Amino acid sequence: MSVLWSIGGFFIVLTPIVLVHELGHFLAARQSNIRVEEFGFGLPPRALKIAEKNGTIYSLNWIPLGGFVRPAGEDDPNVEGGLAGASKRARFFVLSAGAGANMIMAFVIFWIVGLTGAPAVAISDVKPDSPAQTAGLITGDVVLEVDGVKADSSRVIADPMYAKGGQPVEMLVLRDGQEIQLTVIPRESGEYDPSTEGPIGVSLALSGGGERITRNPFEAAVSAGTYIGDYVHLFLSVPGMLIRGELSPSEARPLSIVGISQIAGQSVEATASTRDLFPVLNMIAFINVALGLTNLLPIPALDGGRILFVLIEAVRGRRIEPEREGMVHVIGMLVLLGLMVLLVVQDLVNPIVPF
């Protein structure tokens, strides 16, 4: 069944994310008066020409993964009204708009989750003789607030516990329908074994009882921005964490579309079994951020690699010869395709979700 859920995750999660990315490029090109030859739903080969308007062909294609945009003169600055012949500002805008669209989609989803309510976090286990037990926490308590902050994620609970060792932390929990105020004093670093338990000695899980943490529109917007900021910070911190040994290579392993589909399938399965949209919405938002950031990396053939050439042109005052830039992107694409094949093999041999 995990294979079927992975396929479902591919269509439900990945397809709209890629389509939004390409739609960002398309709308930015239109706004910049750059001619678009084709906007395709899915990837070639073409199955059907849906329409043609203002010089743009809208097509339906056989490979059901998102879509694509084919701007005129993508690599040839001599094509009138084409991408390569546009101003540096216009090219930068169009090339970065795909990642921008993914970030906007992630923000909107996180905002909706904040409005409708993220599942509350519950205490699933309390260690004997721990600060949590001393404070009176028991298994099943639903955490509503920590130091006055709504506990709509485990991070809101964990961060102050790690940051305020030896200091009191106020917690508001829901127990048998009643709100209870408790004070817990987390242990300081060195007073506990982090490989077995945290500062207060509890395990956390999403509440199964339907209690939800909701926010007003402004709070939801702030929360959405915070989530995206946390993901961006984590993305940028990974190299340093690997060097310092805080993260193992297996934990930071890159995933192919197969591995991403497996994780997406888990979220779709969780949503189907609980009838709660939170798992799949959270996953869609996360992958949007990850895809947007990855595409901005200064790697040839990616949007970030093309943006890098625009920035180099702005610094040196003249562009690199299109033939040389094109060759760099071709080589980069070949390397990426080879890496993609290796990652697909890895995710099949050592799947994230066992088959």
Protein backbone atom coordinates (compact mmCIF):
# COMPACT_ATOMS: atom_id res chain seq x y z
CA MET A 1 0.00 0.00 0.00
CA SER A 2 2.94 2.36 0.60
CA VAL A 3 3.62 2.35 -3.14
CA LEU A 4 0.06 3.46 -3.83
CA TRP A 5 0.27 6.19 -1.20
CA SER A 6 3.56 7.38 -2.75
CA ILE A 7 1.88 7.60 -6.14
CA GLY A 8 -0.98 9.51 -4.53
CA GLY A 9 1.49 11.84 -2.85
CA PHE A 10 3.15 12.45 -6.21
CA PHE A 11 -0.08 13.64 -7.82
CA ILE A 12 -1.68 15.39 -4.85
CA VAL A 13 1.40 17.12 -3.41
CA LEU A 14 4.13 17.46 -6.05
CA THR A 15 2.10 18.23 -9.17
CA PRO A 16 0.47 21.46 -7.89
CA ILE A 17 3.78 22.63 -6.36
CA VAL A 18 5.65 22.35 -9.67
CA LEU A 19 2.72 23.92 -11.52
CA VAL A 20 2.73 26.92 -9.16
CA HIS A 21 6.49 27.30 -9.68
CA GLU A 22 6.11 27.43 -13.44
CA LEU A 23 3.09 29.70 -13.16
CA GLY A 24 5.30 32.15 -11.27
CA HIS A 25 7.75 32.23 -14.18
CA PHE A 26 4.88 32.63 -16.66
CA LEU A 27 3.18 35.54 -14.89
CA ALA A 28 6.50 37.31 -14.35
CA ALA A 29 7.36 36.95 -18.04
CA ARG A 30 3.97 38.38 -19.01
CA GLN A 31 4.45 41.27 -16.59
CA SER A 32 7.87 41.96 -18.11
CA ASN A 33 6.56 41.87 -21.71
CA ILE A 34 8.63 38.78 -22.46
CA ARG A 35 7.03 36.57 -25.08
CA VAL A 36 6.09 33.06 -23.94
CA GLU A 37 5.87 30.46 -26.70
CA GLU A 38 4.21 27.73 -24.62
CA PHE A 39 2.77 27.10 -21.18
CA GLY A 40 2.25 23.40 -20.63
CA PHE A 41 0.29 21.46 -18.06
CA GLY A 42 2.42 18.38 -17.42
CA LEU A 43 5.68 17.62 -19.21
CA PRO A 44 6.18 16.69 -22.90
CA PRO A 45 5.40 14.91 -25.09
CA ARG A 46 2.34 16.96 -25.90
CA ALA A 47 -1.02 15.24 -25.73
CA LEU A 48 -3.29 18.11 -26.67
CA LYS A 49 -3.16 21.75 -27.72
CA ILE A 50 -5.76 23.38 -25.48
CA ALA A 51 -5.67 26.90 -26.88
CA GLU A 52 -3.47 29.60 -28.36
CA LYS A 53 -3.76 33.17 -27.12
CA ASN A 54 -1.53 36.23 -27.53
CA GLY A 55 1.12 34.09 -29.19
CA THR A 56 1.22 31.52 -26.37
CA ILE A 57 0.26 27.88 -26.84
CA TYR A 58 -1.47 26.29 -23.85
CA SER A 59 -0.93 22.55 -23.95
CA LEU A 60 -1.76 19.38 -22.06
CA ASN A 61 1.14 16.93 -21.87
CA TRP A 62 1.49 13.25 -21.15
CA ILE A 63 3.83 13.28 -18.11
CA PRO A 64 1.66 14.45 -15.18
CA LEU A 65 4.25 16.47 -13.24
CA GLY A 66 3.34 20.12 -12.79
CA GLY A 67 4.02 22.01 -15.98
CA PHE A 68 6.59 24.04 -17.89
CA VAL A 69 7.11 27.46 -19.46
CA ARG A 70 8.99 27.94 -22.72
CA PRO A 71 9.90 31.61 -23.12
CA ALA A 72 11.05 32.89 -26.48
CA GLY A 73 14.79 33.34 -26.83
CA GLU A 74 15.65 31.71 -23.52
CA ASP A 75 19.36 31.53 -24.45
CA ASP A 76 19.50 33.77 -27.53
CA PRO A 77 19.65 37.54 -26.85
CA ASN A 78 19.03 38.22 -30.55
CA VAL A 79 15.41 37.01 -30.36
CA GLU A 80 13.09 40.01 -30.19
CA GLY A 81 10.92 40.01 -27.09
CA GLY A 82 12.79 36.99 -25.72
CA LEU A 83 14.08 36.28 -22.23
CA ALA A 84 17.81 36.46 -22.93
CA GLY A 85 17.40 39.80 -24.71
CA ALA A 86 15.47 41.40 -21.84
CA SER A 87 16.99 43.77 -19.28
CA LYS A 88 18.94 42.43 -16.32
CA ARG A 89 16.15 43.48 -13.98
CA ALA A 90 13.51 41.68 -16.06
CA ARG A 91 15.58 38.50 -16.31
CA PHE A 92 16.26 38.51 -12.58
CA PHE A 93 12.53 38.99 -11.89
CA VAL A 94 11.42 36.18 -14.21
CA LEU A 95 14.09 33.72 -13.04
CA SER A 96 13.37 34.31 -9.34
CA ALA A 97 9.57 34.37 -9.74
CA GLY A 98 9.24 30.58 -9.67
CA ALA A 99 10.79 30.35 -6.21
CA GLY A 100 8.81 33.43 -5.19
CA ALA A 101 5.55 31.74 -6.20
CA ASN A 102 6.46 28.69 -4.09
CA MET A 103 7.16 30.91 -1.08
CA ILE A 104 3.84 32.70 -1.53
CA MET A 105 2.01 29.38 -1.76
CA ALA A 106 3.76 28.17 1.41
CA PHE A 107 2.83 31.38 3.24
CA VAL A 108 -0.83 31.13 2.20
CA ILE A 109 -1.04 27.49 3.30
CA PHE A 110 0.60 28.16 6.68
CA TRP A 111 -1.74 31.14 7.12
CA ILE A 112 -4.81 28.99 6.40
CA VAL A 113 -3.53 26.35 8.84
CA GLY A 114 -3.16 29.06 11.48
CA LEU A 115 -6.71 30.26 10.91
CA THR A 116 -8.32 26.83 10.89
CA GLY A 117 -6.12 25.54 13.70
CA ALA A 118 -3.11 23.27 13.83
CA PRO A 119 -3.50 20.08 15.88
CA ALA A 120 -2.55 20.65 19.49
CA VAL A 121 0.52 18.90 20.92
CA ALA A 122 -0.02 16.40 23.73
CA ILE A 123 2.25 14.78 26.30
CA SER A 124 2.61 11.16 25.22
CA ASP A 125 5.06 10.04 27.92
CA VAL A 126 6.52 11.41 31.17
CA LYS A 127 9.84 10.06 32.45
CA PRO A 128 10.02 9.06 36.14
CA ASP A 129 11.72 11.56 38.47
CA SER A 130 11.82 14.15 35.67
CA PRO A 131 11.10 17.90 35.96
CA ALA A 132 7.85 17.25 34.08
CA GLN A 133 6.72 14.71 36.67
CA THR A 134 7.73 17.05 39.49
CA ALA A 135 5.69 19.84 37.90
CA GLY A 136 2.62 17.61 37.71
CA LEU A 137 2.48 16.89 33.97
CA ILE A 138 0.89 13.56 33.07
CA THR A 139 0.42 11.54 29.91
CA GLY A 140 -2.49 12.87 27.86
CA ASP A 141 -2.11 16.52 28.87
CA VAL A 142 -2.69 18.78 25.86
CA VAL A 143 -0.30 21.74 25.85
CA LEU A 144 -2.15 24.98 25.06
CA GLU A 145 0.47 27.62 25.88
CA VAL A 146 4.11 27.86 26.94
CA ASP A 147 5.13 31.15 28.57
CA GLY A 148 2.05 32.76 27.06
CA VAL A 149 2.77 31.56 23.51
CA LYS A 150 0.19 29.35 21.78
CA ALA A 151 1.64 25.87 21.42
CA ASP A 152 0.72 25.09 17.82
CA SER A 153 3.94 23.14 17.24
CA SER A 154 6.41 21.07 19.25
CA ARG A 155 9.01 23.78 18.59
CA VAL A 156 7.04 26.28 20.69
CA ILE A 157 7.26 23.79 23.57
CA ALA A 158 10.85 22.63 23.11
CA ASP A 159 12.63 25.94 22.44
CA PRO A 160 12.01 27.57 25.83
CA MET A 161 12.83 24.32 27.63
CA TYR A 162 16.28 24.23 26.05
CA ALA A 163 16.81 27.99 26.40
CA LYS A 164 15.70 28.40 30.04
CA GLY A 165 17.52 25.66 31.91
CA GLY A 166 17.16 26.17 35.68
CA GLN A 167 14.45 28.82 35.20
CA PRO A 168 10.68 28.45 35.62
CA VAL A 169 8.60 27.97 32.47
CA GLU A 170 4.83 28.47 32.67
CA MET A 171 2.63 25.95 30.89
CA LEU A 172 -1.12 25.95 30.31
CA VAL A 173 -2.45 22.44 29.67
CA LEU A 174 -5.87 20.94 29.03
CA ARG A 175 -6.72 17.89 31.15
CA ASP A 176 -10.15 16.23 31.11
CA GLY A 177 -11.72 19.38 29.70
CA GLN A 178 -10.18 21.69 32.32
CA GLU A 179 -7.36 24.20 31.81
CA ILE A 180 -4.54 23.82 34.35
CA GLN A 181 -1.59 26.17 34.91
CA LEU A 182 1.71 24.43 35.74
CA THR A 183 5.29 25.56 36.31
CA VAL A 184 8.17 23.38 35.16
CA ILE A 185 11.87 24.02 35.72
CA PRO A 186 13.92 22.47 32.87
CA ARG A 187 17.26 20.87 33.64
CA GLU A 188 20.38 22.66 32.49
CA SER A 189 22.75 21.24 29.89
CA GLY A 190 24.86 18.47 31.44
CA GLU A 191 22.16 17.45 33.91
CA TYR A 192 20.54 14.99 31.51
CA ASP A 193 21.46 12.66 28.66
CA PRO A 194 20.16 14.30 25.43
CA SER A 195 20.35 10.96 23.61
CA THR A 196 17.58 9.55 25.80
CA GLU A 197 15.45 12.52 26.90
CA GLY A 198 15.14 16.29 26.81
CA PRO A 199 15.37 19.02 29.47
CA ILE A 200 12.02 18.18 31.12
CA GLY A 201 11.75 14.47 30.31
CA VAL A 202 8.66 14.15 28.12
CA SER A 203 7.70 12.79 24.73
CA LEU A 204 5.35 14.76 22.50
CA ALA A 205 2.73 13.77 19.93
CA LEU A 206 -0.11 15.42 18.08
CA SER A 207 -3.32 15.36 20.06
CA GLY A 208 -5.80 12.76 18.90
CA GLY A 209 -8.78 14.32 20.61
CA GLY A 210 -9.54 17.14 18.14
CA GLU A 211 -8.26 20.06 20.35
CA ARG A 212 -6.86 22.65 18.01
CA ILE A 213 -4.79 25.82 18.37
CA THR A 214 -6.37 28.60 16.29
CA ARG A 215 -5.11 32.12 15.57
CA ASN A 216 -6.63 35.38 14.35
CA PRO A 217 -5.65 36.56 10.82
CA PHE A 218 -2.74 38.71 12.05
CA GLU A 219 -1.38 36.02 14.38
CA ALA A 220 -1.73 33.44 11.61
CA ALA A 221 0.28 35.67 9.23
CA VAL A 222 3.05 36.14 11.80
CA SER A 223 3.07 32.40 12.47
CA ALA A 224 3.28 31.64 8.73
CA GLY A 225 6.25 33.97 8.35
CA THR A 226 7.92 32.37 11.37
CA TYR A 227 7.50 28.87 9.95
CA ILE A 228 9.05 29.89 6.63
CA GLY A 229 11.89 31.70 8.42
CA ASP A 230 12.59 28.58 10.50
CA TYR A 231 12.71 26.38 7.39
CA VAL A 232 15.01 28.83 5.58
CA HIS A 233 17.31 28.97 8.62
CA LEU A 234 17.40 25.18 8.83
CA PHE A 235 18.14 24.91 5.09
CA LEU A 236 21.07 27.33 5.38
CA SER A 237 22.33 25.70 8.59
CA VAL A 238 22.61 22.15 7.27
CA PRO A 239 26.22 22.43 5.90
CA GLY A 240 27.48 23.81 9.22
CA MET A 241 25.54 21.20 11.19
CA LEU A 242 27.13 18.44 9.10
CA ILE A 243 30.62 19.85 9.65
CA ARG A 244 30.07 20.14 13.42
CA GLY A 245 28.62 16.63 13.60
CA GLU A 246 25.22 17.87 14.78
CA LEU A 247 23.60 16.17 11.80
CA SER A 248 24.54 12.83 10.26
CA PRO A 249 24.88 12.42 6.46
CA SER A 250 21.98 9.95 6.50
CA GLU A 251 19.73 12.52 8.20
CA ALA A 252 20.65 15.20 5.64
CA ARG A 253 20.60 12.95 2.59
CA PRO A 254 19.19 14.57 -0.55
CA LEU A 255 16.07 12.97 -1.98
CA SER A 256 14.96 12.23 -5.49
CA ILE A 257 11.41 12.62 -6.70
CA VAL A 258 10.88 9.03 -5.49
CA GLY A 259 11.90 9.84 -1.92
CA ILE A 260 9.88 13.05 -1.88
CA SER A 261 6.85 11.13 -3.18
CA GLN A 262 7.27 8.60 -0.37
CA ILE A 263 7.23 11.34 2.28
CA ALA A 264 4.33 13.09 0.55
CA GLY A 265 2.51 9.76 0.47
CA GLN A 266 2.85 9.46 4.24
CA SER A 267 1.17 12.84 4.70
CA VAL A 268 -1.63 11.92 2.28
CA GLU A 269 -2.16 8.63 4.13
CA ALA A 270 -2.25 10.46 7.49
CA THR A 271 -4.81 12.92 6.15
CA ALA A 272 -6.94 10.11 4.73
CA SER A 273 -6.89 8.10 7.97
CA THR A 274 -7.57 11.03 10.32
CA ARG A 275 -9.68 13.14 7.94
CA ASP A 276 -7.51 16.06 9.00
CA LEU A 277 -6.01 18.21 6.24
CA PHE A 278 -3.14 19.41 8.44
CA PRO A 279 -0.58 16.67 7.53
CA VAL A 280 -0.92 17.13 3.76
CA LEU A 281 -1.17 20.94 3.94
CA ASN A 282 1.90 21.11 6.17
CA MET A 283 3.83 18.88 3.77
CA ILE A 284 2.79 20.92 0.71
CA ALA A 285 3.96 24.10 2.42
CA PHE A 286 7.27 22.54 3.47
CA ILE A 287 8.06 21.17 0.00
CA ASN A 288 7.19 24.57 -1.51
CA VAL A 289 9.84 26.20 0.68
CA ALA A 290 12.37 23.45 -0.05
CA LEU A 291 11.78 23.59 -3.82
CA GLY A 292 11.98 27.37 -3.88
CA LEU A 293 15.26 27.45 -1.95
CA THR A 294 16.81 24.59 -3.94
CA ASN A 295 16.02 26.30 -7.24
CA LEU A 296 17.79 29.44 -6.05
CA LEU A 297 21.07 27.61 -5.42
CA PRO A 298 23.79 28.96 -7.77
CA ILE A 299 24.01 25.71 -9.70
CA PRO A 300 24.15 25.73 -13.53
CA ALA A 301 20.83 24.80 -15.20
CA LEU A 302 18.84 25.78 -12.11
CA ASP A 303 17.15 29.17 -11.79
CA GLY A 304 19.82 30.17 -9.28
CA GLY A 305 22.58 29.34 -11.77
CA ARG A 306 21.00 31.59 -14.41
CA ILE A 307 20.49 34.33 -11.83
CA LEU A 308 24.19 34.08 -11.01
CA PHE A 309 25.07 34.92 -14.62
CA VAL A 310 22.77 37.95 -14.45
CA LEU A 311 24.53 39.13 -11.30
CA ILE A 312 27.96 38.58 -12.87
CA GLU A 313 26.84 40.64 -15.86
CA ALA A 314 25.70 43.43 -13.53
CA VAL A 315 29.10 43.47 -11.77
CA ARG A 316 31.35 43.27 -14.83
CA GLY A 317 29.21 45.57 -16.97
CA ARG A 318 28.80 43.19 -19.88
CA ARG A 319 27.32 39.75 -20.31
CA ILE A 320 29.18 36.51 -20.73
CA GLU A 321 28.93 35.20 -24.27
CA PRO A 322 25.63 33.31 -24.67
CA GLU A 323 27.42 30.33 -26.18
CA ARG A 324 29.63 29.94 -23.10
CA GLU A 325 26.76 30.42 -20.69
CA GLY A 326 24.68 27.90 -22.64
CA MET A 327 27.49 25.34 -22.49
CA VAL A 328 27.77 25.77 -18.72
CA HIS A 329 24.05 25.14 -18.33
CA VAL A 330 24.19 22.08 -20.60
CA ILE A 331 27.02 20.59 -18.55
CA GLY A 332 25.16 21.45 -15.36
CA MET A 333 22.02 19.76 -16.64
CA LEU A 334 23.95 16.59 -17.50
CA VAL A 335 25.49 16.51 -14.03
CA LEU A 336 22.09 17.07 -12.41
CA LEU A 337 20.51 14.31 -14.49
CA GLY A 338 23.30 11.92 -13.46
CA LEU A 339 22.84 12.89 -9.81
CA MET A 340 19.09 12.45 -10.15
CA VAL A 341 19.55 8.90 -11.42
CA LEU A 342 21.81 8.07 -8.46
CA LEU A 343 19.31 9.53 -6.00
CA VAL A 344 16.43 7.59 -7.57
CA VAL A 345 18.43 4.37 -7.21
CA GLN A 346 19.23 5.28 -3.59
CA ASP A 347 15.58 5.94 -2.76
CA LEU A 348 14.53 2.65 -4.36
CA VAL A 349 17.24 0.56 -2.69
CA ASN A 350 17.00 2.36 0.65
CA PRO A 351 13.50 3.86 0.70
CA ILE A 352 12.38 6.47 3.20
CA VAL A 353 9.17 4.49 3.58
CA PRO A 354 9.73 0.67 3.46
CA PHE A 355 7.74 -1.04 0.73
